[in-house]
Amino acid sequence: MQIHFKNIHPGLEAQVIPRAQRKIERLSKLIDEGRFETQVSVELQKETGSKQSAAAWRASINLDARGERFHADTVQSTPGAAMDRAIAELQAELRTHRTRMQTDQRKNGEFWKLLLQRDVSWP
């Protein structure tokens, strides 16, 4: 798993990056990484604008695996909370996808099993 940190606010590298890296590497359990190359890009920046009245941090994570992209984007009051929330969202998205893929595999296997058990005559 290749993890790239982009647009990290100066001074946060020592606080947030090692912890985020450990948590993101744990996500490899939800991806069959032995067979697929995975790339992760992480952005953490201070959010400014008319919508934010207090100091806010935006964490954005893109994970590319198996030709699919998974994305999580959050705004929280502290950089650590923003990163943790984005990783939790990405983890939930990966779990849902993994469950959906396993269900599809079971259904496809069941179809072929039923087809082989029955004598199906084609018109």
N, C-alpha and C. Protein backbone atom coordinates (compact mmCIF):
# COMPACT_ATOMS: atom_id res chain seq x y z
N MET A 1 0.85 -1.16 0.00
CA MET A 1 0.00 0.00 0.00
C MET A 1 0.90 1.23 0.00
N GLN A 2 0.69 2.09 -0.98
CA GLN A 2 1.45 3.33 -1.08
C GLN A 2 0.59 4.47 -0.54
N ILE A 3 1.12 5.18 0.44
CA ILE A 3 0.39 6.29 1.05
C ILE A 3 1.13 7.58 0.75
N HIS A 4 0.42 8.53 0.14
CA HIS A 4 1.00 9.83 -0.19
C HIS A 4 0.26 10.90 0.60
N PHE A 5 0.99 11.71 1.32
CA PHE A 5 0.41 12.84 2.07
C PHE A 5 0.66 14.11 1.27
N LYS A 6 -0.44 14.81 0.92
CA LYS A 6 -0.34 16.04 0.14
C LYS A 6 -0.93 17.20 0.94
N ASN A 7 -0.43 18.39 0.67
CA ASN A 7 -0.97 19.62 1.26
C ASN A 7 -1.12 19.54 2.77
N ILE A 8 -0.14 18.97 3.43
CA ILE A 8 -0.18 18.89 4.88
C ILE A 8 0.23 20.24 5.44
N HIS A 9 -0.55 20.75 6.34
CA HIS A 9 -0.28 22.04 6.97
C HIS A 9 1.04 21.94 7.74
N PRO A 10 1.92 22.95 7.61
CA PRO A 10 3.21 22.89 8.32
C PRO A 10 3.03 22.75 9.84
N GLY A 11 3.84 21.93 10.44
CA GLY A 11 3.79 21.76 11.88
C GLY A 11 2.95 20.58 12.33
N LEU A 12 2.16 20.02 11.43
CA LEU A 12 1.30 18.89 11.79
C LEU A 12 1.91 17.55 11.45
N GLU A 13 3.00 17.57 10.70
CA GLU A 13 3.57 16.32 10.22
C GLU A 13 3.94 15.38 11.35
N ALA A 14 4.54 15.90 12.40
CA ALA A 14 4.96 15.04 13.51
C ALA A 14 3.77 14.56 14.34
N GLN A 15 2.69 15.33 14.38
CA GLN A 15 1.55 14.97 15.21
C GLN A 15 0.62 13.97 14.53
N VAL A 16 0.29 14.22 13.29
CA VAL A 16 -0.81 13.50 12.66
C VAL A 16 -0.36 12.37 11.74
N ILE A 17 0.72 12.58 11.00
CA ILE A 17 1.09 11.62 9.95
C ILE A 17 1.38 10.21 10.47
N PRO A 18 2.21 10.02 11.50
CA PRO A 18 2.48 8.64 11.93
C PRO A 18 1.21 7.89 12.38
N ARG A 19 0.35 8.58 13.10
CA ARG A 19 -0.89 7.95 13.58
C ARG A 19 -1.82 7.62 12.41
N ALA A 20 -1.94 8.55 11.47
CA ALA A 20 -2.79 8.32 10.30
C ALA A 20 -2.24 7.18 9.45
N GLN A 21 -0.94 7.12 9.32
CA GLN A 21 -0.32 6.07 8.52
C GLN A 21 -0.61 4.69 9.10
N ARG A 22 -0.51 4.55 10.42
CA ARG A 22 -0.82 3.26 11.06
C ARG A 22 -2.27 2.87 10.83
N LYS A 23 -3.18 3.83 10.99
CA LYS A 23 -4.60 3.53 10.83
C LYS A 23 -4.95 3.18 9.38
N ILE A 24 -4.34 3.86 8.44
CA ILE A 24 -4.62 3.58 7.03
C ILE A 24 -4.06 2.22 6.64
N GLU A 25 -2.90 1.86 7.16
CA GLU A 25 -2.33 0.55 6.84
C GLU A 25 -3.20 -0.59 7.37
N ARG A 26 -3.95 -0.33 8.44
CA ARG A 26 -4.87 -1.35 8.96
C ARG A 26 -6.03 -1.61 8.00
N LEU A 27 -6.31 -0.65 7.14
CA LEU A 27 -7.40 -0.83 6.17
C LEU A 27 -7.08 -1.89 5.13
N SER A 28 -5.82 -2.29 5.03
CA SER A 28 -5.44 -3.30 4.04
C SER A 28 -6.11 -4.64 4.31
N LYS A 29 -6.60 -4.85 5.53
CA LYS A 29 -7.34 -6.08 5.84
C LYS A 29 -8.64 -6.14 5.04
N LEU A 30 -9.23 -4.98 4.78
CA LEU A 30 -10.50 -4.94 4.05
C LEU A 30 -10.31 -5.02 2.54
N ILE A 31 -9.07 -4.89 2.09
CA ILE A 31 -8.75 -4.99 0.67
C ILE A 31 -7.87 -6.22 0.52
N ASP A 32 -8.09 -6.98 -0.51
CA ASP A 32 -7.24 -8.13 -0.76
C ASP A 32 -5.95 -7.61 -1.38
N GLU A 33 -5.10 -7.04 -0.53
CA GLU A 33 -3.94 -6.30 -1.03
C GLU A 33 -2.86 -7.21 -1.61
N GLY A 34 -2.86 -8.47 -1.26
CA GLY A 34 -1.87 -9.38 -1.81
C GLY A 34 -1.98 -9.51 -3.32
N ARG A 35 -3.18 -9.30 -3.83
CA ARG A 35 -3.41 -9.44 -5.27
C ARG A 35 -3.51 -8.12 -6.00
N PHE A 36 -3.72 -7.04 -5.29
CA PHE A 36 -3.96 -5.74 -5.93
C PHE A 36 -3.07 -4.67 -5.32
N GLU A 37 -2.61 -3.76 -6.16
CA GLU A 37 -1.84 -2.63 -5.68
C GLU A 37 -2.80 -1.53 -5.24
N THR A 38 -2.52 -0.93 -4.12
CA THR A 38 -3.40 0.09 -3.56
C THR A 38 -2.62 1.39 -3.39
N GLN A 39 -3.25 2.48 -3.78
CA GLN A 39 -2.65 3.79 -3.60
C GLN A 39 -3.61 4.65 -2.80
N VAL A 40 -3.06 5.36 -1.83
CA VAL A 40 -3.86 6.23 -0.97
C VAL A 40 -3.27 7.63 -1.01
N SER A 41 -4.11 8.63 -1.24
CA SER A 41 -3.65 10.01 -1.14
C SER A 41 -4.44 10.69 -0.03
N VAL A 42 -3.72 11.38 0.84
CA VAL A 42 -4.30 12.01 2.02
C VAL A 42 -3.99 13.51 1.98
N GLU A 43 -5.02 14.31 2.19
CA GLU A 43 -4.84 15.76 2.27
C GLU A 43 -5.40 16.25 3.60
N LEU A 44 -4.65 17.10 4.27
CA LEU A 44 -5.11 17.70 5.52
C LEU A 44 -4.77 19.18 5.45
N GLN A 45 -5.81 20.01 5.49
CA GLN A 45 -5.58 21.44 5.35
C GLN A 45 -6.55 22.22 6.23
N LYS A 46 -6.14 23.42 6.55
CA LYS A 46 -7.00 24.29 7.35
C LYS A 46 -8.10 24.83 6.45
N GLU A 47 -9.33 24.71 6.92
CA GLU A 47 -10.49 25.12 6.14
C GLU A 47 -10.80 26.58 6.42
N THR A 48 -11.00 27.33 5.39
CA THR A 48 -11.38 28.74 5.52
C THR A 48 -12.57 29.00 4.63
N GLY A 49 -13.31 29.99 4.95
CA GLY A 49 -14.44 30.34 4.12
C GLY A 49 -15.60 30.85 4.95
N SER A 50 -16.64 31.23 4.27
CA SER A 50 -17.78 31.83 4.95
C SER A 50 -18.58 30.82 5.76
N LYS A 51 -18.45 29.55 5.45
CA LYS A 51 -19.22 28.53 6.17
C LYS A 51 -18.62 28.21 7.54
N GLN A 52 -17.35 28.53 7.72
CA GLN A 52 -16.67 28.17 8.96
C GLN A 52 -16.51 29.38 9.86
N SER A 53 -17.08 29.34 11.04
CA SER A 53 -16.95 30.45 11.98
C SER A 53 -15.75 30.27 12.90
N ALA A 54 -15.36 29.05 13.17
CA ALA A 54 -14.21 28.78 14.04
C ALA A 54 -13.13 28.07 13.22
N ALA A 55 -12.03 27.77 13.87
CA ALA A 55 -10.96 27.05 13.18
C ALA A 55 -11.45 25.66 12.81
N ALA A 56 -11.26 25.30 11.57
CA ALA A 56 -11.73 23.99 11.11
C ALA A 56 -10.66 23.37 10.22
N TRP A 57 -10.62 22.05 10.24
CA TRP A 57 -9.64 21.29 9.46
C TRP A 57 -10.37 20.33 8.55
N ARG A 58 -9.93 20.27 7.30
CA ARG A 58 -10.53 19.37 6.31
C ARG A 58 -9.54 18.23 6.04
N ALA A 59 -10.04 17.01 6.17
CA ALA A 59 -9.26 15.82 5.82
C ALA A 59 -9.96 15.14 4.64
N SER A 60 -9.18 14.84 3.63
CA SER A 60 -9.72 14.20 2.44
C SER A 60 -8.82 13.02 2.09
N ILE A 61 -9.43 11.84 1.93
CA ILE A 61 -8.67 10.62 1.63
C ILE A 61 -9.26 9.97 0.38
N ASN A 62 -8.40 9.65 -0.57
CA ASN A 62 -8.78 8.89 -1.77
C ASN A 62 -8.00 7.59 -1.76
N LEU A 63 -8.69 6.47 -1.91
CA LEU A 63 -8.06 5.17 -1.93
C LEU A 63 -8.42 4.51 -3.26
N ASP A 64 -7.40 4.16 -4.04
CA ASP A 64 -7.60 3.49 -5.33
C ASP A 64 -7.15 2.05 -5.21
N ALA A 65 -8.09 1.14 -5.41
CA ALA A 65 -7.78 -0.29 -5.35
C ALA A 65 -8.70 -1.03 -6.30
N ARG A 66 -8.17 -2.02 -6.97
CA ARG A 66 -8.95 -2.87 -7.87
C ARG A 66 -9.70 -2.07 -8.93
N GLY A 67 -9.14 -0.97 -9.35
CA GLY A 67 -9.79 -0.16 -10.37
C GLY A 67 -10.96 0.65 -9.85
N GLU A 68 -11.11 0.72 -8.56
CA GLU A 68 -12.20 1.48 -7.96
C GLU A 68 -11.62 2.53 -7.03
N ARG A 69 -12.36 3.63 -6.87
CA ARG A 69 -11.92 4.71 -6.00
C ARG A 69 -12.90 4.84 -4.83
N PHE A 70 -12.33 4.92 -3.65
CA PHE A 70 -13.11 5.15 -2.43
C PHE A 70 -12.67 6.50 -1.87
N HIS A 71 -13.65 7.29 -1.41
CA HIS A 71 -13.35 8.66 -1.01
C HIS A 71 -14.01 8.97 0.33
N ALA A 72 -13.29 9.71 1.17
CA ALA A 72 -13.84 10.21 2.43
C ALA A 72 -13.38 11.64 2.60
N ASP A 73 -14.28 12.50 3.03
CA ASP A 73 -13.99 13.92 3.18
C ASP A 73 -14.72 14.43 4.41
N THR A 74 -14.01 15.04 5.36
CA THR A 74 -14.64 15.55 6.58
C THR A 74 -14.05 16.88 6.98
N VAL A 75 -14.82 17.62 7.77
CA VAL A 75 -14.37 18.87 8.38
C VAL A 75 -14.64 18.75 9.87
N GLN A 76 -13.60 18.92 10.67
CA GLN A 76 -13.70 18.83 12.13
C GLN A 76 -12.93 19.98 12.76
N SER A 77 -13.03 20.12 14.07
CA SER A 77 -12.41 21.25 14.77
C SER A 77 -10.91 21.08 14.98
N THR A 78 -10.42 19.84 15.03
CA THR A 78 -8.98 19.61 15.21
C THR A 78 -8.47 18.74 14.07
N PRO A 79 -7.18 18.83 13.76
CA PRO A 79 -6.66 18.01 12.66
C PRO A 79 -6.72 16.51 12.95
N GLY A 80 -6.47 16.13 14.19
CA GLY A 80 -6.54 14.71 14.54
C GLY A 80 -7.95 14.16 14.41
N ALA A 81 -8.93 14.93 14.86
CA ALA A 81 -10.33 14.50 14.76
C ALA A 81 -10.77 14.40 13.31
N ALA A 82 -10.31 15.34 12.48
CA ALA A 82 -10.67 15.30 11.06
C ALA A 82 -10.09 14.06 10.39
N MET A 83 -8.84 13.75 10.70
CA MET A 83 -8.21 12.58 10.10
C MET A 83 -8.87 11.29 10.59
N ASP A 84 -9.15 11.20 11.89
CA ASP A 84 -9.80 10.01 12.44
C ASP A 84 -11.18 9.79 11.83
N ARG A 85 -11.94 10.86 11.67
CA ARG A 85 -13.29 10.75 11.10
C ARG A 85 -13.23 10.32 9.63
N ALA A 86 -12.28 10.86 8.88
CA ALA A 86 -12.15 10.49 7.47
C ALA A 86 -11.75 9.02 7.34
N ILE A 87 -10.87 8.56 8.20
CA ILE A 87 -10.45 7.16 8.16
C ILE A 87 -11.62 6.25 8.55
N ALA A 88 -12.41 6.66 9.53
CA ALA A 88 -13.58 5.86 9.93
C ALA A 88 -14.61 5.79 8.79
N GLU A 89 -14.82 6.90 8.08
CA GLU A 89 -15.75 6.89 6.94
C GLU A 89 -15.24 5.97 5.84
N LEU A 90 -13.95 6.03 5.57
CA LEU A 90 -13.37 5.18 4.53
C LEU A 90 -13.47 3.71 4.93
N GLN A 91 -13.25 3.41 6.19
CA GLN A 91 -13.36 2.04 6.68
C GLN A 91 -14.79 1.52 6.52
N ALA A 92 -15.78 2.33 6.84
CA ALA A 92 -17.17 1.92 6.68
C ALA A 92 -17.50 1.68 5.21
N GLU A 93 -16.99 2.54 4.34
CA GLU A 93 -17.24 2.37 2.91
C GLU A 93 -16.60 1.08 2.38
N LEU A 94 -15.39 0.79 2.84
CA LEU A 94 -14.71 -0.44 2.41
C LEU A 94 -15.41 -1.69 2.94
N ARG A 95 -15.90 -1.64 4.18
CA ARG A 95 -16.64 -2.78 4.73
C ARG A 95 -17.91 -3.05 3.93
N THR A 96 -18.64 -1.99 3.61
CA THR A 96 -19.87 -2.14 2.82
C THR A 96 -19.56 -2.74 1.46
N HIS A 97 -18.52 -2.25 0.82
CA HIS A 97 -18.14 -2.76 -0.50
C HIS A 97 -17.72 -4.22 -0.42
N ARG A 98 -16.93 -4.56 0.59
CA ARG A 98 -16.47 -5.94 0.75
C ARG A 98 -17.65 -6.89 0.98
N THR A 99 -18.61 -6.49 1.81
CA THR A 99 -19.79 -7.31 2.07
C THR A 99 -20.60 -7.49 0.80
N ARG A 100 -20.75 -6.42 0.04
CA ARG A 100 -21.50 -6.49 -1.22
C ARG A 100 -20.83 -7.44 -2.21
N MET A 101 -19.50 -7.37 -2.30
CA MET A 101 -18.77 -8.25 -3.21
C MET A 101 -18.89 -9.72 -2.78
N GLN A 102 -18.81 -9.99 -1.48
CA GLN A 102 -18.94 -11.36 -1.00
C GLN A 102 -20.34 -11.90 -1.28
N THR A 103 -21.35 -11.07 -1.10
CA THR A 103 -22.73 -11.48 -1.36
C THR A 103 -22.91 -11.81 -2.84
N ASP A 104 -22.36 -10.97 -3.71
CA ASP A 104 -22.46 -11.22 -5.15
C ASP A 104 -21.76 -12.52 -5.53
N GLN A 105 -20.60 -12.79 -4.93
CA GLN A 105 -19.88 -14.03 -5.22
C GLN A 105 -20.70 -15.25 -4.79
N ARG A 106 -21.32 -15.15 -3.61
CA ARG A 106 -22.15 -16.26 -3.14
C ARG A 106 -23.33 -16.49 -4.08
N LYS A 107 -23.98 -15.42 -4.50
CA LYS A 107 -25.13 -15.55 -5.38
C LYS A 107 -24.73 -16.15 -6.73
N ASN A 108 -23.60 -15.71 -7.27
CA ASN A 108 -23.14 -16.25 -8.54
C ASN A 108 -22.78 -17.73 -8.40
N GLY A 109 -22.15 -18.11 -7.31
CA GLY A 109 -21.82 -19.51 -7.08
C GLY A 109 -23.07 -20.35 -6.92
N GLU A 110 -24.07 -19.81 -6.26
CA GLU A 110 -25.33 -20.53 -6.07
C GLU A 110 -26.03 -20.75 -7.40
N PHE A 111 -25.99 -19.79 -8.29
CA PHE A 111 -26.62 -19.92 -9.60
C PHE A 111 -26.01 -21.08 -10.37
N TRP A 112 -24.67 -21.13 -10.41
CA TRP A 112 -24.01 -22.20 -11.16
C TRP A 112 -24.24 -23.56 -10.51
N LYS A 113 -24.29 -23.61 -9.21
CA LYS A 113 -24.55 -24.87 -8.51
C LYS A 113 -25.94 -25.38 -8.85
N LEU A 114 -26.95 -24.51 -8.80
CA LEU A 114 -28.30 -24.91 -9.16
C LEU A 114 -28.40 -25.32 -10.62
N LEU A 115 -27.68 -24.63 -11.47
CA LEU A 115 -27.70 -24.96 -12.89
C LEU A 115 -27.11 -26.34 -13.14
N LEU A 116 -26.05 -26.69 -12.41
CA LEU A 116 -25.42 -27.99 -12.59
C LEU A 116 -26.23 -29.11 -11.96
N GLN A 117 -26.97 -28.84 -10.90
CA GLN A 117 -27.76 -29.86 -10.23
C GLN A 117 -29.02 -30.22 -11.00
N ARG A 118 -29.57 -29.30 -11.71
CA ARG A 118 -30.81 -29.54 -12.44
C ARG A 118 -30.51 -29.89 -13.88
N ASP A 119 -31.39 -30.66 -14.44
CA ASP A 119 -31.26 -30.99 -15.85
C ASP A 119 -31.99 -29.91 -16.63
N VAL A 120 -31.22 -29.00 -17.11
CA VAL A 120 -31.81 -27.88 -17.82
C VAL A 120 -31.75 -28.17 -19.32
N SER A 121 -32.89 -28.19 -19.93
CA SER A 121 -32.92 -28.42 -21.37
C SER A 121 -33.22 -27.10 -22.05
N TRP A 122 -32.43 -26.78 -23.02
CA TRP A 122 -32.58 -25.53 -23.75
C TRP A 122 -33.57 -25.73 -24.89
N PRO A 123 -34.36 -24.75 -25.22
CA PRO A 123 -35.33 -24.89 -26.31
C PRO A 123 -34.68 -25.06 -27.67
